[in-house]
Protein backbone atom coordinates (compact mmCIF):
# COMPACT_ATOMS: atom_id res chain seq x y z
CA MET A 1 0.00 0.00 0.00
CA THR A 2 1.26 3.45 -0.93
CA LEU A 3 -0.83 6.57 -0.67
CA THR A 4 0.35 9.31 -3.01
CA VAL A 5 -1.17 12.77 -2.95
CA GLN A 6 -0.18 15.20 -5.69
CA ASP A 7 -1.21 18.85 -6.01
CA LEU A 8 -4.38 18.35 -3.96
CA ARG A 9 -6.71 21.34 -4.12
CA VAL A 10 -10.04 21.61 -2.33
CA THR A 11 -12.18 24.62 -3.21
CA PHE A 12 -15.60 25.36 -1.73
CA PRO A 13 -18.38 27.51 -3.19
CA LEU A 14 -18.59 31.12 -2.04
CA ASP A 15 -21.26 33.53 -3.22
CA GLY A 16 -22.31 31.04 -5.88
CA LYS A 17 -18.75 30.59 -7.22
CA MET A 18 -15.87 28.26 -6.33
CA GLY A 19 -13.98 30.87 -4.42
CA LEU A 20 -12.74 29.49 -1.09
CA ARG A 21 -9.62 27.38 -1.57
CA ALA A 22 -9.14 25.53 1.72
CA VAL A 23 -6.32 23.29 0.46
CA ASP A 24 -4.01 24.58 -2.23
CA GLY A 25 -1.44 22.36 -3.94
CA VAL A 26 -0.63 19.85 -1.18
CA SER A 27 1.55 16.82 -2.03
CA PHE A 28 2.89 13.98 0.13
CA ASP A 29 3.48 10.21 0.16
CA LEU A 30 2.61 7.66 2.82
CA ALA A 31 4.23 4.24 2.46
CA PRO A 32 3.27 1.06 4.35
CA GLY A 33 4.45 1.09 7.96
CA THR A 34 5.36 4.79 7.90
CA SER A 35 3.80 7.72 9.73
CA LEU A 36 3.25 11.35 8.77
CA GLY A 37 2.02 14.25 10.88
CA ILE A 38 0.26 17.30 9.48
CA VAL A 39 0.34 20.29 11.85
CA GLY A 40 -0.85 23.88 11.71
CA GLU A 41 -3.18 26.39 13.29
CA THR A 42 -6.94 25.99 13.36
CA GLY A 43 -8.28 26.69 9.87
CA ALA A 44 -5.06 25.67 8.10
CA GLY A 45 -6.89 22.94 6.13
CA LYS A 46 -5.85 19.83 8.08
CA THR A 47 -9.30 18.27 8.46
CA THR A 48 -10.17 19.24 4.89
CA ILE A 49 -7.28 17.05 3.70
CA ALA A 50 -8.49 14.13 5.85
CA ARG A 51 -12.00 14.36 4.41
CA ALA A 52 -10.64 14.57 0.87
CA LEU A 53 -8.73 11.32 1.40
CA LEU A 54 -12.07 9.64 2.20
CA GLY A 55 -14.05 11.22 -0.64
CA LEU A 56 -16.26 13.17 1.75
CA HIS A 57 -16.25 16.41 -0.26
CA PRO A 58 -18.45 16.98 -3.32
CA PRO A 59 -16.50 15.74 -6.37
CA GLU A 60 -16.52 19.17 -8.01
CA CYS A 61 -14.65 20.63 -5.03
CA VAL A 62 -11.59 18.39 -5.30
CA GLN A 63 -8.81 18.65 -7.88
CA GLY A 64 -5.39 17.04 -8.11
CA SER A 65 -4.51 13.40 -7.54
CA ILE A 66 -5.00 10.92 -4.69
CA ARG A 67 -3.61 7.49 -5.59
CA LEU A 68 -3.82 4.35 -3.48
CA ASP A 69 -1.51 1.63 -4.85
CA GLY A 70 -1.59 3.47 -8.17
CA ARG A 71 -5.38 3.70 -8.38
CA GLU A 72 -6.72 7.22 -8.81
CA LEU A 73 -9.35 8.05 -6.20
CA VAL A 74 -10.26 11.59 -7.27
CA GLY A 75 -13.41 11.43 -9.33
CA LEU A 76 -14.61 8.05 -8.05
CA SER A 77 -18.32 7.45 -7.72
CA GLU A 78 -19.87 7.32 -4.27
CA GLU A 79 -20.34 3.56 -4.67
CA ALA A 80 -16.63 3.10 -5.38
CA TRP A 81 -15.70 5.24 -2.39
CA ARG A 82 -17.83 3.06 -0.09
CA ALA A 83 -15.60 0.10 -0.92
CA ILE A 84 -12.52 2.11 0.16
CA ARG A 85 -13.76 3.71 3.37
CA TRP A 86 -13.08 1.58 6.46
CA ARG A 87 -11.60 -1.24 4.34
CA ARG A 88 -8.64 0.63 2.81
CA ILE A 89 -8.68 4.06 4.50
CA ALA A 90 -10.22 4.67 7.93
CA LEU A 91 -10.66 7.86 9.93
CA VAL A 92 -10.86 8.55 13.65
CA PRO A 93 -12.64 11.93 13.58
CA GLN A 94 -12.08 14.84 15.90
CA SER A 95 -15.66 15.33 17.16
CA VAL A 96 -16.19 12.21 19.23
CA GLY A 97 -19.41 13.66 20.62
CA THR A 98 -21.18 13.58 17.25
CA ALA A 99 -19.32 10.78 15.42
CA LEU A 100 -21.22 7.95 17.11
CA ASN A 101 -24.90 7.28 16.49
CA PRO A 102 -26.74 7.98 19.78
CA VAL A 103 -29.46 5.34 19.21
CA TYR A 104 -27.20 2.29 18.65
CA ARG A 105 -25.07 0.48 21.17
CA VAL A 106 -21.33 1.06 20.82
CA GLY A 107 -20.63 -2.61 20.08
CA ASP A 108 -23.10 -2.62 17.19
CA GLN A 109 -21.38 0.40 15.68
CA ILE A 110 -17.94 -1.22 15.92
CA ALA A 111 -19.31 -4.40 14.36
CA GLU A 112 -21.12 -2.67 11.48
CA PRO A 113 -18.06 -2.02 9.20
CA MET A 114 -16.97 -5.67 9.58
CA ARG A 115 -20.38 -6.96 8.62
CA HIS A 116 -20.57 -4.64 5.62
CA HIS A 117 -17.01 -4.87 4.28
CA LEU A 118 -15.79 -8.27 5.50
CA GLY A 119 -19.11 -10.17 5.30
CA LEU A 120 -18.91 -11.36 8.91
CA SER A 121 -21.96 -12.64 10.70
CA LEU A 122 -23.31 -10.76 13.70
CA ALA A 123 -21.74 -13.27 16.10
CA GLU A 124 -18.38 -13.13 14.29
CA ALA A 125 -18.42 -9.34 14.20
CA TRP A 126 -19.23 -9.16 17.92
CA GLY A 127 -16.43 -11.56 18.72
CA ARG A 128 -14.01 -9.44 16.72
CA SER A 129 -15.40 -6.31 18.43
CA LEU A 130 -14.56 -7.78 21.83
CA GLU A 131 -10.97 -8.39 20.67
CA LEU A 132 -10.70 -4.82 19.38
CA ALA A 133 -12.20 -3.45 22.58
CA ARG A 134 -9.54 -5.18 24.67
CA ARG A 135 -6.86 -3.98 22.27
CA VAL A 136 -7.85 -0.31 22.70
CA GLY A 137 -8.43 -0.56 26.45
CA LEU A 138 -12.23 -1.00 26.62
CA GLU A 139 -14.23 -3.64 28.47
CA PRO A 140 -17.25 -5.68 27.31
CA ARG A 141 -19.57 -3.41 29.29
CA HIS A 142 -18.53 -0.50 27.09
CA LEU A 143 -19.80 -2.34 24.00
CA ARG A 144 -23.22 -2.78 25.58
CA ALA A 145 -23.45 0.92 26.44
CA TYR A 146 -24.87 3.77 24.37
CA PRO A 147 -22.53 6.63 23.38
CA HIS A 148 -23.94 9.02 25.97
CA GLN A 149 -22.96 6.55 28.70
CA LEU A 150 -19.25 6.76 27.81
CA SER A 151 -16.69 9.41 28.70
CA GLY A 152 -14.93 11.39 25.99
CA GLY A 153 -11.83 9.21 26.23
CA GLU A 154 -13.90 6.02 26.02
CA LYS A 155 -15.70 7.31 22.93
CA GLN A 156 -12.30 8.10 21.36
CA ARG A 157 -11.19 4.52 21.98
CA ALA A 158 -14.45 3.15 20.56
CA LEU A 159 -13.94 5.16 17.39
CA LEU A 160 -10.37 3.87 17.19
CA ALA A 161 -11.65 0.29 17.51
CA MET A 162 -14.14 0.98 14.74
CA ALA A 163 -11.41 2.42 12.50
CA LEU A 164 -9.20 -0.63 13.10
CA SER A 165 -12.05 -3.13 12.59
CA CYS A 166 -11.34 -3.81 8.92
CA ALA A 167 -7.53 -3.65 9.23
CA PRO A 168 -7.21 -0.63 6.90
CA ASP A 169 -4.09 0.18 4.91
CA VAL A 170 -4.21 3.82 6.02
CA LEU A 171 -5.38 5.07 9.41
CA ILE A 172 -6.09 8.80 9.72
CA LEU A 173 -6.21 10.31 13.21
CA ASP A 174 -7.81 13.77 13.26
CA GLU A 175 -6.91 15.53 16.53
CA PRO A 176 -6.73 12.23 18.45
CA THR A 177 -5.94 13.90 21.79
CA SER A 178 -8.46 16.73 21.57
CA GLY A 179 -10.50 17.12 24.75
CA GLN A 180 -8.56 14.42 26.61
CA ASP A 181 -7.35 14.88 30.17
CA MET A 182 -3.60 14.34 30.63
CA LEU A 183 -3.86 10.78 31.96
CA SER A 184 -6.29 9.68 29.24
CA ARG A 185 -4.11 11.40 26.66
CA ALA A 186 -1.02 9.57 27.90
CA ARG A 187 -2.78 6.19 27.77
CA LEU A 188 -4.13 6.89 24.29
CA LEU A 189 -0.69 7.91 23.00
CA ASP A 190 0.81 4.73 24.46
CA LEU A 191 -1.82 2.73 22.59
CA LEU A 192 -1.35 4.59 19.32
CA ASP A 193 2.42 4.30 19.59
CA ALA A 194 2.08 0.54 20.05
CA LEU A 195 -0.16 0.35 16.98
CA ARG A 196 2.37 2.38 15.00
CA ARG A 197 5.22 0.07 16.02
CA GLU A 198 3.30 -3.01 14.88
CA GLY A 199 3.97 -1.79 11.35
CA GLY A 200 2.25 -2.51 8.06
CA MET A 201 -0.30 0.29 8.32
CA GLY A 202 0.29 3.84 7.12
CA LEU A 203 -0.51 6.35 9.87
CA LEU A 204 -1.54 9.95 9.17
CA VAL A 205 -1.80 12.11 12.30
CA ILE A 206 -3.53 15.47 11.90
CA SER A 207 -3.22 17.60 14.99
CA HIS A 208 -2.27 20.85 16.65
CA ASP A 209 -0.91 18.78 19.55
CA LEU A 210 2.76 18.97 18.60
CA ALA A 211 3.89 16.64 21.39
CA ALA A 212 1.51 13.92 20.14
CA VAL A 213 2.82 14.34 16.59
CA ALA A 214 6.40 14.16 17.88
CA ARG A 215 5.57 10.90 19.67
CA LEU A 216 3.69 9.20 16.84
CA THR A 217 5.28 10.25 13.54
CA GLU A 218 8.55 9.98 11.64
CA GLN A 219 7.85 12.77 9.15
CA VAL A 220 5.93 16.00 9.61
CA ALA A 221 4.34 18.45 7.17
CA VAL A 222 3.60 21.98 8.36
CA LEU A 223 0.45 23.47 6.81
CA TYR A 224 -0.32 27.18 6.65
CA ALA A 225 -3.41 28.64 4.98
CA GLY A 226 -3.89 25.50 2.90
CA GLN A 227 -0.27 25.23 1.73
CA LEU A 228 2.70 23.22 2.92
CA VAL A 229 5.53 25.43 4.16
CA GLU A 230 7.94 22.85 5.62
CA VAL A 231 8.30 19.07 5.36
CA GLY A 232 10.96 16.89 6.95
CA PRO A 233 11.81 14.36 9.66
CA THR A 234 9.72 15.13 12.73
CA ALA A 235 12.58 15.22 15.23
CA GLU A 236 14.68 17.51 13.00
CA VAL A 237 11.84 19.90 12.21
CA PHE A 238 10.80 20.23 15.86
CA GLN A 239 14.37 20.62 17.15
CA ASP A 240 15.54 22.99 14.42
CA PRO A 241 12.56 24.63 12.62
CA ARG A 242 13.63 26.43 9.47
CA HIS A 243 10.48 28.11 8.18
CA PRO A 244 9.48 31.25 10.13
CA TYR A 245 5.97 29.88 10.60
CA THR A 246 7.22 26.55 11.95
CA TRP A 247 9.48 28.46 14.35
CA GLY A 248 6.55 30.56 15.57
CA LEU A 249 4.26 27.54 15.89
CA LEU A 250 6.74 25.65 18.06
CA HIS A 251 7.40 28.66 20.30
CA ALA A 252 3.67 29.07 20.87
CA TYR A 253 3.32 25.48 22.12
CA PRO A 254 3.22 24.87 25.91
CA ASP A 255 6.03 22.53 26.91
CA MET A 256 6.87 21.18 30.36
CA ALA A 257 10.56 21.26 29.43
CA THR A 258 10.73 25.05 29.47
CA ALA A 259 9.83 27.84 31.87
CA ARG A 260 9.68 30.40 29.06
CA ASP A 261 6.37 32.21 28.75
CA LEU A 262 4.25 31.40 25.71
CA ARG A 263 4.62 33.69 22.75
CA GLY A 264 1.99 33.66 20.02
CA ILE A 265 2.59 34.37 16.36
CA ARG A 266 1.91 38.00 15.61
CA GLY A 267 -1.09 38.84 13.43
CA THR A 268 -3.84 36.43 12.39
CA PRO A 269 -4.17 33.74 9.71
CA PRO A 270 -5.45 35.02 6.35
CA ASP A 271 -8.99 34.74 5.09
CA PRO A 272 -9.00 31.62 2.83
CA ALA A 273 -11.48 33.39 0.55
CA ASN A 274 -9.08 36.28 0.08
CA PRO A 275 -5.49 35.21 0.78
CA PRO A 276 -2.71 37.79 0.44
CA PRO A 277 -0.65 37.82 -2.75
CA GLY A 278 2.76 36.19 -2.77
CA CYS A 279 3.72 34.17 0.30
CA ARG A 280 0.63 33.76 2.43
CA PHE A 281 2.67 34.08 5.62
CA HIS A 282 4.37 37.36 4.68
CA PRO A 283 2.02 39.69 6.66
CA ARG A 284 3.05 37.87 9.85
CA CYS A 285 6.67 37.14 8.94
CA THR A 286 9.56 39.02 10.57
CA GLN A 287 11.85 38.69 7.55
CA ALA A 288 9.52 39.34 4.59
CA ILE A 289 11.03 41.16 1.59
CA ASP A 290 9.34 42.71 -1.45
CA ARG A 291 9.54 39.44 -3.39
CA CYS A 292 7.58 37.71 -0.62
CA ARG A 293 4.72 40.16 -1.19
CA ARG A 294 4.64 39.54 -4.95
CA GLU A 295 5.59 35.93 -5.67
CA GLU A 296 4.33 32.69 -4.17
CA PRO A 297 7.33 30.63 -2.99
CA PRO A 298 7.58 27.04 -4.28
CA LEU A 299 8.18 24.14 -1.93
CA ARG A 300 11.80 23.21 -2.64
CA GLU A 301 14.51 21.13 -1.04
CA VAL A 302 16.93 23.08 1.13
CA GLY A 303 19.55 21.07 2.98
CA GLY A 304 17.49 17.89 3.26
CA ARG A 305 14.30 19.75 4.22
CA TRP A 306 11.44 20.91 1.98
CA ILE A 307 10.74 24.59 2.62
CA ALA A 308 8.48 27.16 0.93
CA CYS A 309 10.47 30.37 1.47
CA HIS A 310 12.18 32.71 -0.99
CA LEU A 311 15.03 33.16 1.49
CA GLY A 312 15.46 29.44 2.08
CA GLY A 313 14.00 29.59 5.59
CA LEU A 314 14.66 31.39 8.84
CA GLN A 315 17.56 33.82 8.45
CA THR A 316 20.46 34.62 10.74
CA LEU A 317 20.08 38.30 11.58
CA LEU A 318 23.37 38.80 13.39
CA ARG A 319 26.50 36.68 13.55
CA ALA A 320 29.61 37.50 15.56
CA GLU A 321 32.78 35.59 14.75
CA GLY A 322 35.80 35.40 17.02
CA LEU A 323 35.37 38.77 18.74
CA ARG A 324 38.24 39.85 20.98
CA LYS A 325 38.76 42.90 23.17
CA THR A 326 41.65 43.73 25.51
CA PHE A 327 41.91 46.76 27.79
CA SER A 328 45.01 48.21 29.39
CA VAL A 329 44.74 49.04 33.09
CA ASN A 330 45.99 52.60 33.67
CA GLY A 331 48.08 52.40 30.50
CA GLY A 332 50.19 49.62 31.95
CA GLY A 333 52.18 46.97 30.11
CA PRO A 334 51.16 43.49 28.95
CA GLU A 335 51.00 42.18 32.51
CA GLU A 336 48.34 44.81 33.30
CA GLN A 337 46.09 44.07 30.33
CA VAL A 338 42.64 42.55 30.77
CA GLU A 339 41.11 40.27 28.13
CA ALA A 340 37.50 41.42 28.43
CA VAL A 341 36.24 39.27 25.52
CA ARG A 342 38.01 36.22 24.12
CA GLU A 343 37.03 34.55 20.83
CA ALA A 344 33.30 35.14 21.27
CA THR A 345 31.13 33.65 18.54
CA LEU A 346 27.34 33.82 18.54
CA GLU A 347 24.36 34.21 16.25
CA ILE A 348 20.84 35.59 16.58
CA ARG A 349 18.08 34.58 14.19
CA GLU A 350 15.10 36.57 12.97
CA GLY A 351 12.59 37.21 15.76
CA GLU A 352 14.62 35.28 18.34
CA VAL A 353 15.18 36.21 21.98
CA VAL A 354 18.69 35.33 23.15
CA ALA A 355 19.91 35.91 26.70
CA LEU A 356 23.57 36.56 27.54
CA VAL A 357 24.16 35.85 31.24
CA GLY A 358 27.17 35.95 33.50
CA GLU A 359 28.57 37.50 36.63
CA THR A 360 29.71 41.12 36.84
CA GLY A 361 32.98 41.56 34.94
CA SER A 362 32.46 38.56 32.67
CA GLY A 363 32.53 40.72 29.54
CA LYS A 364 28.80 40.87 28.76
CA THR A 365 28.52 44.64 28.34
CA THR A 366 31.77 44.84 26.33
CA LEU A 367 30.49 42.17 23.97
CA GLY A 368 27.14 43.95 23.63
CA GLN A 369 28.86 47.26 22.78
CA MET A 370 30.94 45.55 20.09
CA LEU A 371 27.82 43.98 18.59
CA VAL A 372 26.11 47.37 18.16
CA GLY A 373 29.26 49.04 16.80
CA LEU A 374 29.92 51.32 19.78
CA LEU A 375 33.22 49.61 20.58
CA PRO A 376 35.68 48.43 17.90
CA PRO A 377 36.88 44.84 18.40
CA ASP A 378 40.56 43.96 18.45
CA GLY A 379 39.77 40.96 16.31
CA GLY A 380 36.86 39.15 14.70
CA ARG A 381 33.86 40.65 12.93
CA VAL A 382 30.15 41.28 13.26
CA LEU A 383 27.84 40.41 10.37
CA LEU A 384 24.45 42.14 10.38
CA GLU A 385 21.99 40.79 7.79
CA GLY A 386 24.98 39.31 5.97
CA ARG A 387 27.02 42.53 5.82
CA ASP A 388 30.19 43.21 7.79
CA LEU A 389 29.38 45.92 10.34
CA THR A 390 32.95 46.08 11.62
CA ALA A 391 34.29 46.98 8.17
CA ALA A 392 31.50 49.35 7.10
CA LYS A 393 32.14 53.09 6.97
CA GLY A 394 30.31 56.36 6.36
CA LYS A 395 26.69 56.25 5.25
CA GLU A 396 26.69 52.47 4.97
CA ARG A 397 27.78 52.14 8.60
CA ARG A 398 25.21 54.65 9.85
CA ALA A 399 22.46 52.85 7.95
CA MET A 400 23.53 49.49 9.36
CA MET A 401 23.80 50.81 12.91
CA SER A 402 20.23 52.09 12.71
CA ARG A 403 19.15 48.45 12.31
CA ILE A 404 20.60 47.47 15.70
CA GLN A 405 19.96 49.58 18.79
CA LEU A 406 21.22 49.46 22.36
CA ILE A 407 19.13 49.88 25.50
CA PRO A 408 21.76 50.77 28.14
CA GLN A 409 21.81 49.58 31.73
CA ASP A 410 21.62 53.02 33.39
CA PRO A 411 19.13 55.30 31.61
CA PHE A 412 20.28 58.33 33.63
CA ASP A 413 23.81 57.99 32.24
CA ALA A 414 22.50 57.33 28.73
CA VAL A 415 20.73 60.66 28.09
CA SER A 416 21.68 64.28 28.45
CA PRO A 417 20.03 66.00 31.44
CA ARG A 418 19.60 69.10 29.28
CA LEU A 419 17.31 67.39 26.76
CA THR A 420 13.54 67.12 27.03
CA VAL A 421 11.69 63.85 26.54
CA ALA A 422 10.81 64.86 22.97
CA GLU A 423 14.44 65.72 22.21
CA ILE A 424 15.76 62.50 23.75
CA VAL A 425 13.51 60.34 21.58
CA ARG A 426 13.96 62.49 18.47
CA GLU A 427 17.76 62.69 18.67
CA PRO A 428 18.49 59.53 16.56
CA LEU A 429 16.19 60.88 13.81
CA ASP A 430 17.98 64.23 13.91
CA ILE A 431 21.40 62.59 13.68
CA GLN A 432 20.32 60.40 10.77
CA ALA A 433 18.44 63.32 9.14
CA ILE A 434 15.39 61.15 8.67
CA GLY A 435 12.16 62.80 7.51
CA THR A 436 10.81 66.31 7.84
CA PRO A 437 10.45 67.99 11.26
CA GLU A 438 6.74 67.15 11.25
CA GLU A 439 7.43 63.50 10.36
CA ARG A 440 10.02 63.28 13.15
CA GLU A 441 7.57 64.65 15.70
CA ALA A 442 4.97 62.11 14.56
CA LYS A 443 7.51 59.29 14.95
CA VAL A 444 8.39 60.51 18.44
CA ARG A 445 4.75 60.43 19.53
CA GLN A 446 4.22 57.00 17.99
CA ALA A 447 7.29 55.60 19.77
CA LEU A 448 6.12 57.01 23.11
CA ARG A 449 2.64 55.55 22.64
CA THR A 450 4.23 52.17 21.82
CA VAL A 451 6.01 52.10 25.20
CA GLY A 452 2.91 53.25 27.07
CA LEU A 453 3.91 56.85 27.80
CA PRO A 454 1.80 60.01 27.36
CA THR A 455 2.38 62.39 24.47
CA SER A 456 0.96 65.54 26.08
CA PRO A 457 2.99 68.76 25.68
CA GLY A 458 3.71 68.81 29.41
CA PHE A 459 5.24 65.32 29.38
CA LEU A 460 7.20 65.97 26.18
CA ALA A 461 8.77 68.99 27.85
CA ARG A 462 10.00 67.11 30.93
CA ARG A 463 13.66 66.36 31.50
CA ALA A 464 15.28 63.19 32.81
CA HIS A 465 15.40 64.24 36.47
CA GLU A 466 11.64 64.86 36.41
CA LEU A 467 10.89 61.22 35.51
CA SER A 468 10.77 58.06 37.59
CA GLY A 469 13.23 55.27 36.83
CA GLY A 470 10.55 53.27 35.06
CA GLN A 471 9.42 56.23 32.96
CA LEU A 472 12.98 57.07 31.91
CA GLN A 473 13.65 53.44 30.99
CA ARG A 474 10.59 53.56 28.73
CA VAL A 475 11.82 56.83 27.19
CA VAL A 476 15.15 55.16 26.41
CA LEU A 477 13.25 52.21 24.90
CA ALA A 478 11.20 54.62 22.76
CA ARG A 479 14.47 56.24 21.65
CA ALA A 480 15.74 52.81 20.54
CA LEU A 481 12.51 52.01 18.68
CA VAL A 482 12.17 55.30 16.81
CA LEU A 483 14.60 54.15 14.08
CA GLU A 484 12.57 50.93 13.61
CA PRO A 485 15.49 48.54 14.20
CA LYS A 486 15.56 44.80 13.54
CA LEU A 487 17.56 43.94 16.66
CA LEU A 488 17.56 45.33 20.18
CA VAL A 489 20.48 44.76 22.54
CA ALA A 490 19.14 45.36 26.06
CA ASP A 491 21.90 45.60 28.66
CA GLU A 492 20.44 44.92 32.12
CA PRO A 493 17.35 46.97 31.15
CA VAL A 494 15.51 46.48 34.46
CA SER A 495 18.29 46.00 37.00
CA MET A 496 17.68 49.45 38.54
CA LEU A 497 13.90 49.04 38.86
CA ASP A 498 11.75 47.63 41.63
CA PRO A 499 10.23 44.15 40.99
CA SER A 500 6.81 45.50 40.01
CA GLU A 501 8.26 47.95 37.49
CA GLN A 502 10.67 45.25 36.29
CA ALA A 503 7.73 43.01 35.43
CA ARG A 504 5.93 45.81 33.60
CA VAL A 505 8.98 46.77 31.52
CA ILE A 506 9.87 43.16 30.67
CA ASN A 507 6.28 42.39 29.63
CA LEU A 508 6.25 45.55 27.53
CA LEU A 509 9.55 44.59 25.93
CA LYS A 510 8.22 41.10 25.10
CA GLU A 511 5.02 42.53 23.62
CA ILE A 512 6.91 45.02 21.42
CA GLN A 513 9.39 42.36 20.37
CA THR A 514 6.61 40.02 19.26
CA GLU A 515 4.39 42.59 17.55
CA ARG A 516 7.22 44.29 15.67
CA GLY A 517 9.00 41.05 14.83
CA LEU A 518 12.24 42.20 16.47
CA ALA A 519 15.12 40.04 17.59
CA LEU A 520 16.33 40.68 21.13
CA LEU A 521 19.63 40.11 22.89
CA LEU A 522 18.97 40.43 26.62
CA ILE A 523 22.12 40.92 28.68
CA SER A 524 21.54 40.06 32.33
CA HIS A 525 22.95 38.41 35.43
CA ASP A 526 19.45 37.29 36.49
CA LEU A 527 18.77 33.70 35.36
CA ALA A 528 15.34 33.72 37.01
CA LEU A 529 14.40 36.59 34.70
CA VAL A 530 15.90 35.40 31.42
CA ARG A 531 14.44 31.88 31.67
CA LYS A 532 10.97 33.49 31.38
CA ILE A 533 11.75 35.23 28.11
CA ALA A 534 14.73 33.66 26.30
CA ASP A 535 14.58 31.12 23.49
CA ARG A 536 18.31 30.48 23.90
CA ILE A 537 20.77 31.26 26.68
CA LEU A 538 24.49 32.01 26.34
CA VAL A 539 26.60 31.83 29.49
CA MET A 540 29.71 34.04 29.67
CA HIS A 541 32.60 33.57 32.07
CA ARG A 542 35.91 35.44 32.09
CA GLY A 543 35.40 36.82 28.62
CA GLN A 544 34.37 33.53 27.01
CA ILE A 545 31.02 32.01 26.08
CA VAL A 546 31.25 28.74 27.97
CA GLU A 547 27.77 27.33 27.35
CA GLU A 548 25.00 27.82 24.82
CA GLY A 549 21.68 26.11 24.24
CA PRO A 550 17.87 26.31 24.39
CA GLY A 551 16.74 28.06 27.55
CA SER A 552 14.95 24.94 28.81
CA ARG A 553 18.07 22.80 28.48
CA VAL A 554 20.52 25.30 29.98
CA VAL A 555 18.32 25.87 33.03
CA THR A 556 17.34 22.26 33.70
CA ARG A 557 20.46 20.38 32.49
CA PRO A 558 23.45 22.76 32.61
CA GLU A 559 26.67 21.32 31.21
CA HIS A 560 29.30 23.82 32.36
CA GLU A 561 30.37 24.11 35.98
CA HIS A 562 29.98 27.91 35.94
CA THR A 563 26.38 27.60 34.73
CA ARG A 564 25.60 25.20 37.55
CA MET A 565 27.11 27.65 40.01
CA LEU A 566 24.98 30.51 38.68
CA LEU A 567 21.86 28.37 39.05
CA GLU A 568 22.77 27.35 42.58
CA VAL A 569 23.07 30.97 43.75
CA ALA A 570 20.01 32.23 41.82
CA PRO A 571 17.51 33.82 44.26
CA ARG A 572 14.60 31.72 45.49
CA LEU A 573 11.77 32.64 47.82
CA GLY A 574 11.40 29.18 49.28
């Protein structure tokens, strides 16, 4: 048995015309004994694909090819489809509450496909139903019950028994864990995993439960607005997502392995009746270029993964290679020199939050200043969007530096006490000579509104000493945002604030970072803070980056002795 789907398109009528394309050009293969997961947000088209594989849409709505062992299924008559459903392809639907007939006993409903497709007698079908019930964890009493007398998990198992009754070649699971409590979910996944390991049957898992897909499938296809955007081995895709949508989807998923707060994908999915031109994800993408807005990207192979992205997938926004910095103490000789940064290499991807942690004097601030071009390195280079920032000069350098902005640790030292709030925020625009005076004033007000500050004439006229620490930190943040950068480097941005104001500023920073699609490098000594916000954590000690990894791994399974020491001394209330 091989199921081959090529260029599948499902279009539904809208205003009397075929105008709503729910599935658009989907292709995949499912061989015997293999498993494939299809994941995506609600409305991506997952269930529409499942129903198309069973011929449950009107024939005029389905185009493309669905072949089972070489036989074309698209265009079959309803009578021909009846011979395929249950016997060759079976579905466990999502809505367990409505999938079972309320007026028939559960056992009769499990037996019915066997009587119809296998020609078994009632006694034979009931005997086989009892075997299936035991296999899926049900008891004989469940077969004598009516659907309303079963729990949601028991109904799910009954539907699974029904789907397995005719030993189909392809089993489709549509949201198999939906509505299950954690214990029932765990038992069901154990059962499904055992079925998968028995082999011989192709398994198609359609779900937004990424952990279930990771457990049950070998390959995964990521669906967005009816189109595939990434296809590859499940473990590789989930550990190293390459499409911006896949990256966002995984970071929005609750995971017990991390303490990081959930972060949704900015924007909303497109209207399937009126999708945007070009790449359908571009209105929500942090790295979209003009081509993305004009041309639809094909699904092509990139490094062993199939990705639909003009840029080849998620881009590296900043890369530092072998940065070094040495300072002389009081102009002394070599014996009085301090290696502040030694061979530091790091990268930050589009939209990513990276934390750089370490004790005071470890070189964090020096490294941050080199990354933003405020301090020249003694060796190494900084690449920003593929261009060498360390070698750039003149207008090119100023333009590049506007793309990466620093939020300093002490806002009172960062601004002139002679400038008003309006002048502090406007200063970068004045230096870069961006826009007319009126346009600059408008940008200043917009930046202040973004950080939650008033734009009244009285507030704009205040000076730094007339503001609270929290207000001035927001003014400095507005100053960094006014040039619309792609990357913020925040050096201990809340270390001088009280806990309540810290929480407000960090939540504001996260919200701005998500909505604007910014990348963020958060420099801090506070591991309790960065574990709530960082996707990855870099640990710095004596000028070197000694450990790097996903925030969940670094916090729960540190590898370097210095990281373990930092975790041991991190503040705890209990």
